[in-house]
Structures are given as C-alpha cells and as structure tokens.
Protein backbone atom coordinates (compact mmCIF):
# COMPACT_ATOMS: atom_id res chain seq x y z
CA MET A 1 63.20 30.78 -20.21
CA GLY A 2 66.74 29.98 -21.35
CA SER A 3 69.81 30.34 -19.47
CA THR A 4 71.31 33.66 -18.21
CA SER A 5 74.71 35.25 -17.96
CA LEU A 6 76.70 38.22 -16.37
CA ALA A 7 75.59 40.19 -19.54
CA ASP A 8 71.86 40.01 -18.74
CA GLY A 9 70.33 42.69 -16.65
CA PRO A 10 68.86 42.79 -13.45
CA SER A 11 65.33 42.26 -14.82
CA GLU A 12 66.14 39.47 -16.89
CA ALA A 13 67.94 37.63 -14.07
CA THR A 14 65.22 38.42 -11.61
CA ALA A 15 62.63 37.04 -13.97
CA SER A 16 64.61 33.82 -14.36
CA ILE A 17 65.33 33.34 -10.71
CA LYS A 18 61.61 33.63 -10.10
CA GLU A 19 60.85 30.90 -12.71
CA ARG A 20 63.23 28.77 -11.33
CA VAL A 21 62.05 29.13 -7.86
CA THR A 22 58.72 28.51 -8.78
CA GLN A 23 59.73 25.20 -10.81
CA TYR A 24 61.70 24.02 -7.88
CA PHE A 25 58.83 24.28 -5.42
CA ALA A 26 56.36 22.79 -7.80
CA ALA A 27 58.53 19.81 -8.04
CA VAL A 28 59.07 19.83 -4.14
CA GLN A 29 55.10 19.96 -3.83
CA SER A 30 54.64 17.08 -6.40
CA ASN A 31 57.15 15.23 -4.06
CA ASP A 32 59.17 14.63 -7.21
CA ILE A 33 62.50 14.88 -5.09
CA GLY A 34 64.60 13.84 -8.23
CA LYS A 35 63.21 16.91 -10.17
CA ALA A 36 63.52 19.16 -7.15
CA LYS A 37 67.28 18.29 -6.71
CA GLU A 38 67.92 19.38 -10.13
CA PHE A 39 67.31 23.00 -9.04
CA VAL A 40 69.85 22.55 -6.02
CA LEU A 41 73.61 23.93 -6.81
CA GLU A 42 75.45 20.56 -7.69
CA LYS A 43 77.90 20.52 -4.77
CA SER A 44 74.85 20.41 -2.32
CA ARG A 45 73.01 17.71 -4.25
CA GLN A 46 74.29 14.84 -2.33
CA SER A 47 73.61 16.04 1.41
CA PHE A 48 70.36 17.92 0.59
CA PHE A 49 66.90 16.34 0.42
CA PRO A 50 63.96 18.51 -0.32
CA GLN A 51 61.24 18.07 2.28
CA PHE A 52 57.64 17.91 1.00
CA ASP A 53 55.21 19.64 3.23
CA PRO A 54 51.55 18.87 3.19
CA LYS A 55 50.76 22.02 5.05
CA LEU A 56 52.46 24.03 2.40
CA THR A 57 49.82 25.41 -0.02
CA GLY A 58 51.48 27.97 -1.96
CA VAL A 59 54.98 30.00 -2.47
CA ARG A 60 55.23 33.34 -3.65
CA VAL A 61 58.33 35.32 -4.39
CA ALA A 62 58.20 38.51 -2.52
CA GLU A 63 61.63 40.02 -3.59
CA VAL A 64 65.01 39.09 -5.27
CA GLN A 65 68.00 40.90 -4.43
CA LEU A 66 71.05 40.50 -6.59
CA GLU A 67 74.37 40.54 -4.47
CA LYS A 68 77.43 42.57 -5.73
CA ASP A 69 78.95 40.00 -7.89
CA LYS A 70 75.70 39.33 -9.52
CA THR A 71 76.41 35.67 -9.52
CA SER A 72 74.18 35.14 -6.54
CA ALA A 73 70.94 36.38 -5.11
CA VAL A 74 68.90 36.49 -2.01
CA VAL A 75 65.33 35.49 -2.50
CA LYS A 76 62.58 36.48 0.07
CA LEU A 77 59.72 34.08 -0.24
CA LEU A 78 56.23 34.06 1.33
CA CYS A 79 55.35 30.26 2.08
CA GLN A 80 51.50 29.97 2.48
CA VAL A 81 51.02 27.45 5.43
CA MET A 82 47.77 25.78 6.22
CA ILE A 83 47.08 25.77 10.12
CA PRO A 84 44.66 22.74 10.42
CA SER A 85 43.53 23.48 14.04
CA ALA A 86 42.33 26.81 12.56
CA MET A 87 41.51 25.95 9.25
CA GLN A 88 43.30 29.23 7.80
CA THR A 89 46.63 29.91 6.28
CA VAL A 90 49.44 32.31 7.38
CA ASP A 91 52.28 33.48 5.10
CA VAL A 92 55.69 32.39 6.76
CA PRO A 93 58.56 34.43 5.51
CA GLN A 94 61.88 32.56 4.22
CA LEU A 95 65.10 33.49 2.86
CA GLN A 96 67.04 31.54 0.18
CA ARG A 97 70.42 32.06 -1.44
CA TRP A 98 70.47 31.25 -5.26
CA LYS A 99 73.56 31.03 -7.50
CA LEU A 100 74.40 31.29 -11.10
CA ALA A 101 76.26 28.21 -12.46
CA ALA A 102 76.71 27.26 -16.08
CA GLY A 103 74.00 29.73 -17.13
CA ASN A 104 71.31 28.74 -14.80
CA TRP A 105 70.19 29.63 -11.45
CA TYR A 106 70.52 27.03 -8.49
CA PHE A 107 69.30 26.93 -4.95
CA ASP A 108 72.36 26.77 -2.67
CA PRO A 109 70.89 25.37 0.93
CA ALA A 110 74.65 25.23 1.96
CA ASP A 111 74.80 28.87 2.15
CA PRO A 112 71.65 30.51 3.49
CA PRO A 113 71.70 34.21 3.84
CA PRO A 114 71.32 35.69 7.46
CA SER A 115 67.84 36.33 8.32
CA GLU A 116 66.85 39.88 10.14
CA ALA A 117 66.26 37.70 13.23
CA SER A 118 69.46 35.95 13.33
CA ILE A 119 71.58 39.11 12.55
CA MET A 120 69.58 40.78 15.55
CA LYS A 121 70.25 37.76 17.68
CA LYS A 122 73.89 37.75 17.13
CA TYR A 123 74.26 41.34 17.77
CA TYR A 124 72.29 40.96 20.97
CA PHE A 125 74.61 38.36 22.28
CA GLU A 126 77.57 40.10 21.32
CA LYS A 127 76.40 43.09 23.34
CA LEU A 128 75.64 40.93 26.07
CA LYS A 129 79.23 39.66 26.15
CA GLU A 130 80.35 43.32 25.99
CA LYS A 131 78.15 44.00 29.22
CA ALA A 132 79.16 40.96 31.04
CA GLY A 133 80.02 41.99 34.73
CA LYS A 134 78.52 45.50 34.43
CA ASP A 135 75.54 46.77 36.47
CA PRO A 136 72.51 46.43 34.49
CA SER A 137 71.12 49.53 35.99
CA GLN A 138 73.64 51.37 34.21
CA TRP A 139 72.42 49.98 30.89
CA ASP A 140 71.10 52.35 28.11
CA VAL A 141 67.71 50.84 28.01
CA ARG A 142 66.01 49.16 31.04
CA PHE A 143 62.97 47.10 30.76
CA GLU A 144 60.77 46.41 33.70
CA LYS A 145 60.14 42.70 32.10
CA GLU A 146 62.01 41.12 29.63
CA VAL A 147 59.38 37.98 29.64
CA GLN A 148 55.75 38.41 29.54
CA ASP A 149 53.77 35.21 30.01
CA PHE A 150 50.15 35.70 29.30
CA GLY A 151 49.18 32.45 31.01
CA VAL A 152 46.36 30.75 29.21
CA ALA A 153 44.37 32.30 26.34
CA VAL A 154 41.19 31.10 24.52
CA LYS A 155 42.07 30.12 20.86
CA GLY A 156 40.84 32.86 18.43
CA THR A 157 41.25 35.89 20.99
CA VAL A 158 43.74 38.46 20.53
CA VAL A 159 46.22 38.96 23.44
CA THR A 160 47.81 42.38 24.09
CA LEU A 161 51.36 42.45 25.82
CA LYS A 162 53.04 45.55 27.03
CA PHE A 163 56.73 45.93 27.98
CA PRO A 164 57.71 49.15 29.73
CA PHE A 165 61.19 50.42 29.68
CA THR A 166 63.18 53.41 30.59
CA ASN A 167 65.59 55.41 28.61
CA GLN A 168 68.60 55.41 30.89
CA SER A 169 70.79 57.01 28.24
CA LYS A 170 71.72 60.73 27.65
CA HIS A 171 70.24 60.52 24.19
CA GLU A 172 66.63 60.67 22.71
CA LEU A 173 65.88 57.14 21.79
CA LYS A 174 63.99 55.90 18.75
CA VAL A 175 62.16 52.56 18.63
CA GLU A 176 63.50 51.80 15.16
CA ALA A 177 62.37 48.33 14.46
CA VAL A 178 60.33 45.54 16.39
CA LEU A 179 61.12 42.11 14.89
CA LEU A 180 58.12 39.84 15.71
CA HIS A 181 56.25 36.33 15.09
CA GLN A 182 54.33 36.57 11.97
CA LEU A 183 51.15 36.16 14.27
CA MET A 184 52.25 39.48 16.13
CA LYS A 185 51.48 43.06 15.43
CA ASP A 186 53.57 46.30 16.73
CA LEU A 187 51.26 48.77 18.14
CA THR A 188 53.78 50.76 20.15
CA SER A 189 52.53 54.21 19.57
CA THR A 190 55.43 56.47 20.91
CA ARG A 191 58.42 55.68 19.15
CA THR A 192 60.58 58.53 20.52
CA VAL A 193 61.53 58.65 24.24
CA PRO A 194 63.66 61.61 25.65
CA PRO A 195 66.37 60.79 28.04
CA GLY A 196 65.31 59.50 31.55
CA LYS A 197 61.49 59.14 30.45
CA LYS A 198 59.55 56.03 30.11
CA GLY A 199 58.38 54.19 27.01
CA GLU A 200 56.37 50.95 26.23
CA ILE A 201 56.48 48.27 23.46
CA VAL A 202 52.99 47.12 22.73
CA ILE A 203 52.33 43.93 20.81
CA THR A 204 49.39 41.88 19.98
CA LEU A 205 49.17 38.22 19.38
CA ASP A 206 46.34 36.40 17.52
CA THR A 207 46.02 33.07 18.98
CA ALA A 208 43.59 31.64 16.17
CA PRO A 209 46.13 29.42 14.62
CA LEU A 210 47.95 28.50 18.05
CA TYR A 211 47.39 25.56 20.00
CA ARG A 212 48.93 24.50 23.42
CA GLU A 213 52.44 25.93 24.11
CA PHE A 214 53.78 29.26 22.79
CA ASP A 215 57.26 30.71 23.34
CA HIS A 216 58.82 33.03 21.05
CA ASP A 217 61.61 35.79 21.21
CA ILE A 218 61.15 39.15 19.89
CA PHE A 219 63.72 41.75 19.29
CA VAL A 220 63.56 45.43 19.60
CA GLN A 221 66.04 47.77 18.04
CA PHE A 222 66.79 51.36 19.40
CA GLU A 223 68.70 54.24 17.67
CA PRO A 224 70.77 55.96 17.65
CA ILE A 225 72.63 53.88 20.36
CA GLN A 226 72.15 50.77 18.20
CA GLU A 227 70.94 48.99 21.33
CA ARG A 228 68.92 45.54 20.45
CA VAL A 229 67.09 44.03 23.24
CA LYS A 230 65.78 40.50 23.33
CA LEU A 231 62.27 40.18 24.84
CA LYS A 232 60.29 36.85 25.16
CA VAL A 233 56.37 36.23 24.92
CA LYS A 234 55.18 32.72 26.45
CA GLY A 235 51.94 31.22 27.33
CA ARG A 236 49.53 28.43 26.44
CA VAL A 237 46.28 28.50 24.09
CA PHE A 238 43.37 26.10 24.35
CA THR A 239 39.96 26.13 22.69
CA ALA A 240 37.08 27.11 25.01
CA LYS A 241 35.74 23.48 24.68
CA ASP A 242 39.21 22.24 26.29
CA LEU A 243 38.56 24.79 29.25
CA GLU A 244 35.10 23.69 29.88
CA ALA A 245 36.38 20.13 30.41
CA TYR A 246 39.69 20.72 32.00
CA ASN A 247 41.52 23.42 34.05
CA PRO A 248 45.13 23.52 32.54
CA ILE A 249 46.23 25.67 35.49
CA THR A 250 44.91 23.52 38.53
CA GLY A 251 44.52 20.12 36.70
CA GLU A 252 40.98 20.10 37.83
CA SER A 253 37.62 19.90 35.75
CA GLY A 254 36.10 23.27 34.92
CA LYS A 255 37.25 26.58 33.42
CA ALA A 256 40.61 28.32 33.98
CA LYS A 257 41.07 32.03 34.52
CA VAL A 258 41.91 32.99 30.88
CA LYS A 259 42.71 35.93 28.52
CA GLN A 260 39.27 36.51 26.55
CA GLU A 261 40.36 40.08 24.97
CA PRO A 262 38.29 41.10 22.14
C-alpha cells in the first residue's frame, strides 16, 4: 500500500496503519531490528530498540482509533503470548500510538496512549489525596477487604475471590466496570446496590498459565459517584507434583492446604 495523506478517509488510513503495524511486528519477530526501526518515528529511533520476544507467537490489530487531528492514531493490539509452563497462549492487550509523517504511519514509542488501567490508577491516587485525613467510615464505598490472598492454589484450578462492600452513599450505585488481569473473569451478578445495602465483586482467576507468585491490582468503577477503588489479588501457584514433594507453607515435605476449586 502506498503513502497516505490527510485527504484520505478513515478507512484508507486504518488499512494503511494495520499494514504498517503488521510489517513492523514481522520485522521484530524476525529479529531484524534495523528493518523494525524503519517503522519507528524518526525522532524516537535513536533511543528505541525493538525487543524480540520468543514467547510472542502472533499479533492482531483489534482496533484503530484516529485521533482528532487525523495525524495520529491509537492502535489496540492483541499480542498472543506463549506460556511455556502451561503449553498454551494468552492474548495480552497492548496500546500503541502511531503518527502520520511524510505520507507514512510510524510507531511513536515516546508518546504512548494512556491505558484504561493507568487512567484508573491515576484517578484512584487523586481521589486518595482528596480523602487524606478523612474518616474511612465516611467514604462512599467501603470494602470489607481490599486485599484477597488466596494462599496456595494447584496450577490449573480456577480460584474464586469475593470482595464484599457496602454502599455508604445516598445514591443507588452501579458497578460500572471492573478492570482485571487477562486471566480473570468478572462474575459479579448484582451490579446495582441501593443506599446502605451490601454488594459483592466476584471474580475468578484461571491459574493454568501461572506459576509461583501472583500479585495483581484490579480497579472497580462505581457510578454515578465516579468512585474508583483499587483492590488486590495475591497468592502462589504450584503444580500438584510440587506440592506432593514440598509444602510451601510449612517448608516441610508433603502436601499443603491448597485451593482446588473445579
């Protein structure tokens, strides 16, 4: 495909960006760093070195959003990554910003778009600053526990975790979004909670691709108060064979007390 310009419509620009992204990752996975850098915005080439990742087995462009000036676009990628310990692949989302220069689209690693997670995290810490010195019992949403440690789980099991909370506001609250790790699923059934009533965030974690330590933040957004709360899930994952030989809790030989949910 040839070069593009501002006169091209959204569909032409999107097609051009997709082609350039595909060519860029083909060069990266061929470990042809010189070729890959040809797709990087010139001002960022000197300081950026594309990294070959042997675990990356494929990349798919899930979405292209042209920004207001039509000279830059946010590209959402689904990177297929092999988890050797589980012999399976998982899709890891990634956002990039590509920019139009001299008729072609170039990846600009120096200007990454904010991810949904980073937006939520920034908002969370801003709200935390606002609440500094205030009595936590007066906050709009109060969780009984903000950290859930599932202890030790057998690799391959699905762990269910629950985060009970109380709506302490004067509004009916809606669980608008739950931002999770890619191996988690949101199973929260009751999304609307009246004032003064209890609710519960329910998630599951597939441990099949995991091994040893797991520690990940999740964010829950409530409307209409625009409250965003950070929660944490942590624990350890071992194979059944590991646990037969060694108890990671006591340090002794033999099986540990572990999660073995179906």
